[in-house]
Protein backbone atom coordinates (compact mmCIF):
# COMPACT_ATOMS: atom_id res chain seq x y z
CA MET A 1 4.88 19.94 -33.06
CA ALA A 2 1.16 19.89 -33.88
CA GLY A 3 0.41 22.78 -31.57
CA ALA A 4 -0.19 21.31 -28.12
CA SER A 5 1.14 23.03 -25.02
CA VAL A 6 2.96 20.82 -22.50
CA PHE A 7 3.00 21.36 -18.73
CA ASP A 8 5.06 19.61 -16.07
CA PRO A 9 3.35 20.42 -12.72
CA THR A 10 6.26 19.26 -10.53
CA MET A 11 9.23 19.70 -12.83
CA GLY A 12 12.16 19.59 -10.40
CA SER A 13 15.09 20.95 -12.39
CA GLY A 14 13.26 20.46 -15.70
CA ASN A 15 14.56 17.11 -16.89
CA LEU A 16 11.35 15.92 -18.58
CA LEU A 17 10.88 19.13 -20.54
CA ALA A 18 14.55 19.08 -21.49
CA ALA A 19 14.10 15.52 -22.75
CA LEU A 20 11.43 16.74 -25.17
CA ILE A 21 13.84 19.32 -26.59
CA ASP A 22 16.64 16.75 -26.83
CA HIS A 23 14.31 14.36 -28.62
CA GLY A 24 13.39 17.08 -31.11
CA ILE A 25 17.05 17.81 -31.76
CA LYS A 26 17.70 14.09 -32.37
CA GLN A 27 14.92 14.18 -34.97
CA GLY A 28 16.90 16.82 -36.87
CA TYR A 29 15.16 20.00 -35.73
CA ALA A 30 17.12 23.10 -34.77
CA ILE A 31 16.19 24.60 -31.39
CA GLY A 32 14.85 27.67 -33.15
CA HIS A 33 12.39 25.50 -35.08
CA LEU A 34 11.09 23.69 -32.01
CA PRO A 35 7.96 25.06 -30.26
CA THR A 36 9.79 25.68 -26.98
CA ASP A 37 7.37 28.55 -26.31
CA ARG A 38 4.73 25.91 -25.62
CA LEU A 39 6.71 24.23 -22.83
CA TYR A 40 5.61 25.14 -19.30
CA GLY A 41 6.67 23.96 -15.87
CA ASN A 42 6.15 24.50 -12.17
CA GLU A 43 8.30 23.62 -9.17
CA LEU A 44 7.76 24.13 -5.44
CA ASN A 45 11.44 23.93 -4.43
CA ARG A 46 13.11 27.30 -5.02
CA GLU A 47 16.58 25.84 -5.64
CA TYR A 48 15.32 23.36 -8.24
CA TYR A 49 13.32 26.11 -9.92
CA LYS A 50 16.40 28.35 -10.21
CA LYS A 51 18.46 25.40 -11.43
CA ALA A 52 15.92 24.75 -14.20
CA LEU A 53 16.04 28.39 -15.39
CA SER A 54 19.83 28.33 -15.37
CA PHE A 55 20.02 24.96 -17.15
CA PHE A 56 17.71 25.97 -20.02
CA SER A 57 19.51 29.26 -20.43
CA GLU A 58 22.99 27.71 -20.52
CA LYS A 59 22.24 24.61 -22.61
CA TYR A 60 19.60 25.88 -25.03
CA GLY A 61 19.88 29.66 -24.83
CA LEU A 62 16.24 29.85 -23.69
CA ASP A 63 14.72 32.26 -21.19
CA MET A 64 11.98 30.21 -19.51
CA SER A 65 11.22 32.69 -16.70
CA GLY A 66 7.90 33.59 -18.30
CA ARG A 67 6.80 29.97 -18.57
CA TYR A 68 8.18 28.42 -15.41
CA THR A 69 6.58 29.12 -12.04
CA ASN A 70 7.80 28.59 -8.49
CA ALA A 71 4.76 27.52 -6.45
CA ASP A 72 3.00 24.61 -4.81
CA ILE A 73 0.91 23.00 -7.54
CA LEU A 74 -1.96 22.90 -5.04
CA ASP A 75 -1.85 26.72 -4.81
CA LEU A 76 -1.21 27.59 -8.46
CA PRO A 77 -4.20 29.26 -10.21
CA PRO A 78 -5.87 26.93 -12.75
CA ARG A 79 -4.85 27.13 -16.39
CA ARG A 80 -5.33 24.81 -19.37
CA PHE A 81 -2.69 22.87 -21.29
CA GLY A 82 -3.05 20.31 -24.07
CA VAL A 83 -0.67 17.76 -22.52
CA ILE A 84 0.56 17.18 -18.98
CA PHE A 85 3.84 15.32 -18.61
CA GLY A 86 5.11 14.86 -15.07
CA ASN A 87 6.79 12.93 -12.31
CA PRO A 88 4.99 13.91 -9.08
CA PRO A 89 6.53 13.31 -5.64
CA TRP A 90 6.20 9.74 -4.38
CA GLN A 91 5.45 9.98 -0.67
CA ASN A 92 2.64 8.64 1.50
CA PHE A 93 0.46 11.14 3.35
CA THR A 94 1.47 9.59 6.66
CA ASP A 95 5.17 10.25 5.89
CA LEU A 96 4.81 13.91 4.92
CA PRO A 97 6.37 16.59 7.16
CA ALA A 98 3.91 17.59 9.88
CA ARG A 99 3.56 21.18 8.66
CA TYR A 100 2.85 20.16 5.07
CA LYS A 101 0.52 17.39 6.23
CA GLU A 102 -1.60 19.98 8.00
CA LYS A 103 -1.73 22.03 4.82
CA VAL A 104 -2.85 19.25 2.49
CA LYS A 105 -5.36 17.42 4.72
CA ALA A 106 -8.28 19.36 3.27
CA ALA A 107 -7.09 18.71 -0.28
CA PHE A 108 -6.88 14.93 0.25
CA ILE A 109 -10.41 14.95 1.61
CA ALA A 110 -11.78 17.30 -1.08
CA TYR A 111 -10.40 15.09 -3.85
CA GLY A 112 -11.93 11.96 -2.32
CA LEU A 113 -8.57 10.30 -1.66
CA THR A 114 -9.43 9.09 1.83
CA GLY A 115 -12.45 7.32 3.23
CA ASP A 116 -13.33 10.05 5.70
CA ARG A 117 -11.76 12.88 7.69
CA ARG A 118 -11.19 10.72 10.76
CA SER A 119 -9.17 8.07 8.93
CA LEU A 120 -6.91 10.71 7.42
CA LEU A 121 -6.44 12.62 10.66
CA LEU A 122 -5.51 9.39 12.44
CA GLY A 123 -2.93 8.69 9.77
CA GLY A 124 -4.91 5.66 8.60
CA SER A 125 -4.63 6.69 4.98
CA ARG A 126 -1.57 5.43 3.10
CA ILE A 127 -2.52 7.26 -0.08
CA ASP A 128 0.42 8.70 -1.99
CA LEU A 129 0.95 12.42 -2.53
CA ALA A 130 1.35 11.57 -6.22
CA ALA A 131 -2.37 10.74 -6.35
CA LEU A 132 -3.28 14.24 -5.18
CA VAL A 133 -0.92 15.94 -7.64
CA ILE A 134 -2.24 13.83 -10.53
CA GLN A 135 -5.87 14.60 -9.72
CA ARG A 136 -5.22 18.32 -9.25
CA ALA A 137 -3.24 18.52 -12.49
CA ILE A 138 -5.88 16.71 -14.53
CA LYS A 139 -8.79 18.68 -13.08
CA ASP A 140 -7.36 22.19 -13.13
CA PHE A 141 -4.55 22.22 -15.69
CA LEU A 142 -5.51 19.79 -18.47
CA SER A 143 -7.71 20.84 -21.39
CA GLU A 144 -10.97 18.98 -22.00
CA GLY A 145 -10.21 15.65 -23.61
CA GLY A 146 -6.50 16.22 -23.02
CA ASP A 147 -3.78 13.64 -22.38
CA ALA A 148 -1.71 13.29 -19.21
CA TYR A 149 1.41 11.14 -18.86
CA PHE A 150 2.86 10.51 -15.42
CA PHE A 151 5.78 8.58 -14.03
CA MET A 152 4.11 7.32 -10.87
CA PRO A 153 4.13 4.58 -8.23
CA LEU A 154 2.16 1.66 -9.62
CA SER A 155 0.76 1.06 -6.15
CA LEU A 156 -1.99 3.50 -7.16
CA LEU A 157 -3.15 1.00 -9.78
CA LEU A 158 -2.06 -2.35 -8.35
CA ASN A 159 -2.31 -2.14 -4.55
CA ASP A 160 -5.07 -2.49 -1.98
CA GLY A 161 -5.82 -0.07 0.81
CA ALA A 162 -6.07 3.66 0.31
CA SER A 163 -5.18 3.44 -3.39
CA ARG A 164 -8.70 2.23 -4.12
CA TYR A 165 -9.95 5.81 -3.72
CA PHE A 166 -7.69 6.96 -6.55
CA ARG A 167 -9.19 4.22 -8.73
CA ASN A 168 -12.57 5.93 -8.71
CA TYR A 169 -10.89 7.93 -11.50
CA ARG A 170 -12.75 11.08 -10.56
CA SER A 171 -11.29 14.46 -9.69
CA GLY A 172 -14.02 16.70 -8.35
CA GLY A 173 -16.63 16.51 -11.07
CA VAL A 174 -14.09 15.55 -13.74
CA ARG A 175 -13.81 11.97 -14.97
CA PHE A 176 -10.53 10.60 -16.27
CA ALA A 177 -9.42 7.17 -17.41
CA PRO A 178 -6.18 5.18 -17.54
CA VAL A 179 -5.44 4.46 -21.19
CA LYS A 180 -2.13 2.58 -21.15
CA VAL A 181 0.51 1.46 -18.64
CA TYR A 182 4.23 0.94 -19.11
CA ASP A 183 5.46 -1.11 -16.13
CA LEU A 184 9.09 -0.14 -15.48
CA GLU A 185 9.79 -3.06 -13.11
CA GLY A 186 13.30 -4.37 -13.73
CA LEU A 187 14.46 -1.26 -15.59
CA GLU A 188 16.92 1.19 -14.05
CA VAL A 189 14.79 4.22 -14.82
CA PHE A 190 15.10 5.53 -11.26
CA PRO A 191 18.34 4.03 -9.86
CA GLY A 192 18.28 3.34 -6.15
CA ILE A 193 14.50 3.65 -5.90
CA SER A 194 12.75 0.46 -4.76
CA THR A 195 9.21 1.73 -5.39
CA ARG A 196 7.55 -0.10 -8.26
CA ALA A 197 6.99 2.54 -10.93
CA GLY A 198 5.41 2.98 -14.33
CA LEU A 199 4.61 5.52 -17.00
CA VAL A 200 0.82 5.83 -17.22
CA HIS A 201 -1.27 7.58 -19.85
CA PHE A 202 -4.56 9.13 -18.66
CA LYS A 203 -7.32 10.76 -20.70
CA ARG A 204 -9.47 13.56 -19.28
CA ASP A 205 -13.28 13.49 -19.68
CA ARG A 206 -13.37 9.79 -20.44
CA GLU A 207 -15.04 6.96 -18.53
CA PRO A 208 -12.64 4.11 -17.68
CA SER A 209 -12.97 1.23 -20.13
CA PHE A 210 -11.16 -2.05 -19.54
CA PRO A 211 -9.09 -3.95 -20.46
CA ILE A 212 -6.30 -1.48 -21.25
CA PRO A 213 -2.87 -2.21 -22.79
CA TYR A 214 -0.24 -3.03 -20.19
CA GLU A 215 3.37 -3.19 -21.37
CA GLN A 216 6.08 -5.01 -19.43
CA TYR A 217 9.78 -5.18 -20.18
CA GLN A 218 10.72 -8.85 -20.15
CA ASP A 219 13.76 -10.68 -21.53
CA GLY A 220 15.12 -7.55 -23.18
CA ALA A 221 11.93 -6.50 -24.96
CA TRP A 222 8.53 -4.96 -24.30
CA LYS A 223 5.78 -7.56 -24.02
CA SER A 224 2.13 -6.60 -24.48
CA HIS A 225 -0.49 -7.65 -21.93
CA HIS A 226 -3.91 -6.40 -20.89
CA ALA A 227 -5.09 -5.13 -17.53
CA ARG A 228 -8.45 -4.76 -15.85
CA PRO A 229 -10.04 -4.97 -12.39
CA LEU A 230 -11.62 -8.40 -12.01
CA LEU A 231 -14.23 -8.09 -9.27
CA HIS A 232 -15.09 -4.40 -8.78
CA PRO A 233 -14.34 -1.31 -10.91
CA ALA A 234 -12.12 0.20 -8.18
CA ASP A 235 -10.20 -3.03 -7.53
CA PRO A 236 -6.47 -3.29 -8.30
CA LEU A 237 -5.67 -4.03 -11.93
CA SER A 238 -5.00 -7.64 -12.82
CA VAL A 239 -2.45 -8.13 -15.59
CA LEU A 240 -3.69 -10.65 -18.14
CA ARG A 241 -2.07 -12.47 -21.03
CA SER A 242 -4.98 -11.59 -23.33
CA ALA A 243 -8.11 -9.47 -23.29
CA GLU A 244 -10.21 -12.62 -22.79
CA HIS A 245 -8.05 -14.19 -20.06
CA ASP A 246 -9.99 -14.64 -16.79
CA PRO A 247 -7.90 -15.93 -13.85
CA LEU A 248 -11.11 -16.48 -11.86
CA ALA A 249 -12.78 -18.72 -14.41
CA GLY A 250 -14.71 -21.41 -12.54
CA PHE A 251 -14.08 -19.81 -9.16
CA ARG A 252 -16.59 -20.42 -6.35
CA PRO A 253 -16.74 -17.63 -3.73
CA VAL A 254 -15.70 -18.73 -0.25
CA VAL A 255 -18.62 -18.28 2.15
CA VAL A 256 -17.75 -17.39 5.77
CA GLY A 257 -19.46 -15.80 8.75
CA LYS A 258 -19.02 -12.16 9.74
CA ALA A 259 -16.59 -13.12 12.51
CA SER A 260 -14.28 -14.73 9.93
CA VAL A 261 -13.00 -11.65 8.12
CA PRO A 262 -9.37 -12.11 6.98
CA ARG A 263 -6.90 -10.62 9.43
CA GLN A 264 -3.28 -9.66 9.67
CA GLY A 265 -1.19 -10.85 12.56
CA ILE A 266 -0.06 -9.24 15.79
CA ASN A 267 1.71 -5.89 15.61
CA THR A 268 3.82 -4.89 18.63
CA CYS A 269 4.38 -1.36 17.25
CA GLY A 270 8.15 -1.60 17.48
CA ALA A 271 8.39 -3.67 20.68
CA ASN A 272 9.01 -7.16 19.29
CA ASP A 273 11.84 -7.68 21.77
CA LEU A 274 9.42 -7.13 24.67
CA PHE A 275 6.56 -9.31 23.41
CA PHE A 276 8.27 -11.98 21.25
CA PHE A 277 10.51 -14.67 22.74
CA ASP A 278 12.81 -17.28 21.18
CA ARG A 279 12.72 -19.75 24.11
CA CYS A 280 10.00 -20.86 26.48
CA GLU A 281 10.47 -23.51 29.17
CA GLN A 282 7.54 -24.75 31.24
CA VAL A 283 8.37 -24.54 34.95
CA ASP A 284 5.06 -25.83 36.24
CA GLU A 285 1.42 -25.79 35.23
CA ASP A 286 1.13 -22.01 35.60
CA THR A 287 4.62 -20.63 34.92
CA CYS A 288 7.17 -20.42 32.10
CA ILE A 289 10.69 -19.05 31.83
CA VAL A 290 11.27 -17.21 28.54
CA ASN A 291 14.61 -16.32 26.94
CA GLY A 292 16.46 -18.04 29.75
CA GLY A 293 15.61 -15.76 32.63
CA ILE A 294 12.20 -14.07 32.55
CA THR A 295 9.42 -15.77 34.49
CA LEU A 296 5.88 -15.18 33.21
CA PRO A 297 2.42 -16.73 33.63
CA SER A 298 2.06 -19.41 30.94
CA ARG A 299 -1.61 -18.55 30.30
CA TYR A 300 -0.53 -15.33 28.55
CA LEU A 301 2.16 -16.94 26.36
CA TYR A 302 1.18 -18.26 22.93
CA PRO A 303 3.16 -20.02 20.18
CA LEU A 304 3.86 -17.64 17.28
CA LEU A 305 4.00 -18.89 13.70
CA THR A 306 7.26 -18.47 11.77
CA SER A 307 8.20 -19.15 8.15
CA GLY A 308 9.67 -22.48 9.24
CA ASN A 309 6.27 -23.71 10.39
CA PHE A 310 4.97 -23.54 6.81
CA LYS A 311 7.52 -26.15 5.78
CA GLU A 312 6.51 -28.81 8.30
CA GLU A 313 3.53 -31.06 8.77
CA GLN A 314 3.61 -31.10 12.57
CA LEU A 315 3.91 -27.60 14.02
CA THR A 316 6.87 -27.06 16.34
CA PRO A 317 6.98 -23.77 18.30
CA ARG A 318 10.06 -21.64 17.56
CA LYS A 319 8.77 -18.32 18.90
CA TRP A 320 6.26 -17.24 21.54
CA VAL A 321 4.26 -14.05 22.00
CA LEU A 322 3.09 -12.44 25.23
CA LEU A 323 -0.56 -11.33 25.06
CA PRO A 324 -1.80 -9.55 28.23
CA TYR A 325 -5.39 -10.03 27.09
CA THR A 326 -8.56 -11.79 28.14
CA GLY A 327 -9.79 -14.74 26.13
CA ARG A 328 -12.37 -12.41 24.59
CA GLY A 329 -9.67 -10.31 23.00
CA ARG A 330 -9.70 -7.31 25.32
CA PRO A 331 -6.58 -5.93 27.06
CA LEU A 332 -6.44 -6.82 30.72
CA GLU A 333 -7.82 -4.07 32.94
CA PRO A 334 -5.34 -2.42 35.35
CA GLU A 335 -6.87 -4.16 38.36
CA GLN A 336 -6.66 -7.52 36.56
CA ILE A 337 -3.10 -7.13 35.43
CA LYS A 338 -1.85 -6.03 38.85
CA LYS A 339 -3.14 -9.29 40.34
CA GLU A 340 -0.82 -11.19 37.97
CA THR A 341 2.35 -10.34 39.89
CA LEU A 342 4.86 -11.88 37.46
CA LEU A 343 3.19 -10.28 34.47
CA TRP A 344 2.84 -6.89 36.15
CA ASN A 345 6.46 -6.85 37.33
CA TYR A 346 7.67 -7.57 33.80
CA LEU A 347 5.49 -4.94 32.14
CA ILE A 348 6.08 -2.22 34.71
CA ALA A 349 9.82 -2.64 34.20
CA HIS A 350 9.29 -1.59 30.59
CA GLU A 351 6.47 0.91 31.15
CA GLN A 352 8.28 3.92 29.73
CA ARG A 353 9.38 2.09 26.60
CA LEU A 354 5.84 0.83 25.96
CA LYS A 355 4.34 4.27 26.50
CA GLU A 356 6.77 5.80 24.01
CA ARG A 357 5.61 3.66 21.08
CA ARG A 358 4.64 5.84 18.13
CA GLY A 359 1.57 5.68 15.93
CA SER A 360 -1.94 7.10 16.12
CA LEU A 361 -3.72 3.79 16.74
CA ILE A 362 -1.44 2.48 19.47
CA GLY A 363 -1.25 6.03 20.86
CA ALA A 364 -5.02 6.06 21.35
CA ARG A 365 -4.82 2.88 23.43
CA ILE A 366 -1.93 4.21 25.48
CA ARG A 367 -3.82 7.41 26.24
CA ARG A 368 -6.73 5.33 27.53
CA GLY A 369 -4.36 3.67 30.00
CA TYR A 370 -3.71 0.39 28.15
CA TRP A 371 0.00 0.92 27.52
CA TRP A 372 0.51 -2.88 27.40
CA ALA A 373 -1.83 -3.22 24.40
CA LEU A 374 -0.86 -4.40 20.91
CA LEU A 375 -2.48 -3.98 17.52
CA GLY A 376 -4.06 -6.84 15.63
CA VAL A 377 -5.44 -8.48 18.76
CA GLY A 378 -9.15 -9.14 19.29
CA PRO A 379 -11.60 -11.99 19.82
CA TYR A 380 -10.52 -13.43 16.46
CA ASN A 381 -7.08 -14.28 17.90
CA PHE A 382 -8.68 -16.71 20.31
CA MET A 383 -10.95 -18.61 17.93
CA PRO A 384 -10.02 -22.31 17.97
CA TYR A 385 -9.10 -22.62 14.28
CA LYS A 386 -7.26 -20.46 11.78
CA VAL A 387 -6.64 -20.90 8.06
CA VAL A 388 -3.25 -19.19 7.69
CA TRP A 389 -1.04 -18.25 4.75
CA GLU A 390 2.19 -16.37 4.18
CA ALA A 391 1.25 -12.89 3.00
CA TYR A 392 4.70 -11.38 2.45
CA GLY A 393 7.32 -12.01 -0.22
CA LYS A 394 5.94 -15.26 -1.65
CA LYS A 395 5.13 -16.43 -5.17
CA ARG A 396 2.83 -19.30 -4.31
CA PHE A 397 -0.34 -19.33 -2.22
CA ARG A 398 -0.19 -22.18 0.27
CA PRO A 399 -2.78 -21.84 3.08
CA ARG A 400 -2.79 -24.30 5.95
CA LEU A 401 -4.98 -25.14 8.93
CA VAL A 402 -3.78 -24.24 12.43
CA GLU A 403 -5.55 -25.32 15.61
CA GLY A 404 -5.43 -24.10 19.19
CA ARG A 405 -3.38 -21.29 20.70
CA TRP A 406 -1.18 -20.49 17.70
CA GLN A 407 -0.86 -16.79 16.79
CA VAL A 408 0.02 -15.04 13.53
CA ASN A 409 2.87 -12.58 12.98
CA GLN A 410 1.97 -9.10 11.66
CA SER A 411 2.36 -8.56 7.87
CA LEU A 412 4.37 -11.76 7.38
CA GLN A 413 1.22 -13.86 7.56
CA ALA A 414 -2.53 -13.45 7.38
CA TYR A 415 -5.41 -15.67 8.40
CA ILE A 416 -9.13 -16.36 8.57
CA PRO A 417 -10.36 -17.18 12.11
CA LEU A 418 -12.99 -19.94 12.27
CA PRO A 419 -15.14 -21.44 15.03
CA THR A 420 -15.25 -25.14 14.07
CA ARG A 421 -12.95 -27.69 12.46
CA GLY A 422 -15.54 -28.54 9.82
CA GLU A 423 -15.84 -24.94 8.71
CA ALA A 424 -12.07 -24.48 8.79
CA GLU A 425 -11.52 -27.53 6.59
CA ARG A 426 -14.15 -26.32 4.12
CA VAL A 427 -12.60 -22.85 3.88
CA LEU A 428 -9.13 -24.35 3.48
CA GLU A 429 -10.31 -26.56 0.63
CA GLN A 430 -11.98 -23.64 -1.14
CA LEU A 431 -8.93 -21.39 -0.77
CA ARG A 432 -6.89 -24.11 -2.45
CA GLN A 433 -8.86 -23.65 -5.66
CA PRO A 434 -6.29 -22.92 -8.43
CA ALA A 435 -8.27 -19.78 -9.30
CA VAL A 436 -7.23 -18.16 -5.99
CA GLU A 437 -3.52 -18.40 -6.75
CA ASN A 438 -4.17 -17.44 -10.38
CA TYR A 439 -5.94 -14.30 -9.18
CA LEU A 440 -3.06 -13.36 -6.86
CA LEU A 441 -0.52 -13.92 -9.63
CA SER A 442 -2.52 -11.68 -11.98
CA LEU A 443 -2.02 -8.79 -9.55
CA LYS A 444 1.73 -8.94 -10.21
CA MET A 445 2.69 -8.64 -6.54
CA GLU A 446 4.51 -11.94 -6.14
CA GLY A 447 7.65 -11.63 -4.03
CA THR A 448 6.53 -8.33 -2.44
CA MET A 449 4.98 -7.25 0.85
CA ASN A 450 1.63 -7.04 -0.97
CA TRP A 451 1.53 -10.64 -2.13
CA ALA A 452 -1.53 -11.99 -0.27
CA GLN A 453 -2.55 -9.40 2.27
CA PRO A 454 -6.00 -9.79 3.87
CA GLY A 455 -7.73 -7.25 1.61
CA ARG A 456 -6.85 -9.29 -1.48
CA ILE A 457 -8.37 -12.45 -0.04
CA ARG A 458 -11.35 -10.56 1.35
CA ARG A 459 -12.52 -9.89 -2.21
CA LEU A 460 -12.84 -13.62 -2.78
CA LEU A 461 -15.16 -14.15 0.20
CA ARG A 462 -18.90 -13.87 0.55
CA MET A 463 -20.01 -12.96 4.04
CA ASN A 464 -22.84 -15.12 5.36
CA GLU A 465 -25.50 -13.08 7.15
C-alpha cells in the first residue's frame, strides 16, 4: 500500500499473490483500491502459469498477462522489485531430473553453492534448488536494501553439509542477511510434506548480524527465541532461549589426532541383505555359517552395532557385516579375493546385483573393478577402539566406548576411531560434557536424521597436529 512492488519468482498458480489481495479485502479495501498493478509473478510450468492467469481473471476480474511471465527464473532477464515473496521448489540437486541438472550445474557453481565442480558433478552436493532460486532472486530481482520473504526448507539454516555454502549469505557480489525466522514445525502449513519448513525474512545489502529473532509455534502460541551460529559464521543456527544464552558455556574442545575424525558407519549402497546377517554360527576357527546356510570365512565377518546394543552394558552381537577388506581398510584385490574360495563363491553369485548398485561414489569403485566394495570403510574401521553414539532420531546424546571388531551402521550411528584405550576413555569423558548435548539440542534437530551426525561433532573437536 506504501508503493512497493511485489514479485513471486516461482509463483505456481499464484496463491501467495492472491493471499495478498485477499488480505487487503479483509482489511476493508475494494479490489479497485488495491495496488494490484504492483503485483508480479513468474512460473516455469506452463499449466500453472495459465491457471494463475485464469484464476485472477475469474476471481478478481484482473488481467495479469502483462505482469506474469512464463519462464525459468534462472533465464528471466533481471529486473528490480521492492519486495520478493516466494515459495521456491524444495528439491536437492542430486534429485533433479537429469536434463535439468545438466542445465543448472553452472548456476550452482557460479553462485558458490557447492564446494567445487567435482563435488557437484559427482552428485556429492545435497544443496537444495531453493537455495539457488533464493540467491538468484535476491541478486537480480530485489531492489537495493529490499526485503525478501521465502517459505523454504529450514535445512538451509539448520543443517550441516552442503547448506553451509548458502550460509555465506552472498550472491555473486551481493550480500544479504537473514533477519527473522518463523519455524513452521508442527503447523499444517504444507499438509503431507515432511520437510521442516519456515518463513524467513532476508534483507539485501546487509551484513549478517546475530542473534536474530526466531519464532516457534509451541502450545498453541508463537514463542520468541533467538538464533545464531555458535562456532563459525557459516555454522547452522542454534536456537537459544535468550540473546545471551550460550549452550557451550564452559565447554572444553575435545582434542584428537588426525586419524580420529568422526565417521559415519558402513553403507552397503542398497545391498544390506547381501552384506548384513542376522545369525552367525562359528563352525571352526576359520569358518562361520550365516543366516542358517551360507558358509563364509570368519575373518571377514564383524559384529554390527544395533540400537539394542546401546541399552546394554555387555555388548551382545545381534547382526554381523561382511567386509571383504584388508585390515588396512582397502578392498581385497581380485587375486586376493579369488584365493578365498568361500568368499569368492558367495560374491560371484551376486556379482550382477552388486555391479548394478547406483550412486556416483560406489559407481567409481565398481568401474575400477572393486564391485564388492562398500562405502564408509577405511583404516578407521579397524582401529581397536571406537567412541560411538546414535546419530539418528534421538533426543539425548549418549556416547559409549566399543572395543575390538565391532562395526557401525551407516547413518544410524556415528563414531570416533581411536588407537588406544586411554585416549578412547579421555575422548568419551569429554564428549559426556553437558555442553555437548546442550549444543546438539540448540540445533533443534532432536528426533531427526540430523540429530548427531559426524559433522556436528566435528565442530567440537580440535585436531592435534
